[in-house]
């Protein structure tokens, strides 16, 4: 009888050890509310990841890192495991610099949620931006939008005075008339318009924006079960949002500090999704060509190789 108890206890120890070996002590993931990352907001506010990993004793560390460039730097150093939301321009730039990064799942196709916004009483067309100061985040889909819009008008980034600036600061500068135009997203567009600013153009006709969840490759390879569980929870968050739209909008509105009406507008602009398709791969290839052709990216990468199997199913 004692032998049975000893064997049972030993089995429990082995089982616990194996579980610990297949699960990390903690998962470091970004919390990025902007532009209107409702999956990320809902997942955090409802404690979905915490519940999914509670039985395994895995701690969830939420990191507020809004810049795609800073997210990729954190991944490269091993300080960040998942970027819950990253635009594909930042993804490609990071991969081109050798960051061990991969796409885990899709998030959104937000064509209308990014825009070039002119100051109150200022210019109303892209061609009139020549020689003017434009502010916004460098190395992002917004930066890509500006370059694409200028190229279409026969200009380049060198034809404007581009100042690298956080979107929030860019909105303030534009609303105050200290910059001719700013690269803004989501509720910042709404706030700028309320201050009298005007949208010069959105991504429509210039860029096909794609927001994705990315993962540090070493994490996905070392902890495949934990990796897949994070992907599954992110998709469960989207399913919950679709089934509980009104409640989800209340959560999003509160976190973004906007009205329910504006939250509904941002929801409609966002184009949420989860599984990437062949069209997304073509979009990534087109984005890479554009970034290289316009001197924003030096080294080409294997685009399909950036997508883990979970991203496509």
Foldseek 3Di string as FASTA:
>chain_A
DVVVVVVVVVVVVVVLVVLPQQDDQEAEEEQEPPPHQLLSLLCVVVVLLCVLCVVNNYHYHYHHDHDLQVQLVCLQVVNHFKYQKAKLLSVQQSVLVPRQKFFQKFWWFQQFFKFKKFAAPADQALVVQFAFEEEEAPRGVLNQLNQQRQVVVVHGPVRHNYDHDYQVVRLVCRLVVVGGIYIHGAVSVVVSVVSRMGTNDTCVPGARITMTMMGRVVCCVSNVPSSVSVLVSSVVSVVVCVVPVQVSLVSSCVVVVHDSVSSVVSVVSIGTDIADDPVVLVRSVVSQVSCCVRVNGPGGDDSVVRYDPNNHD
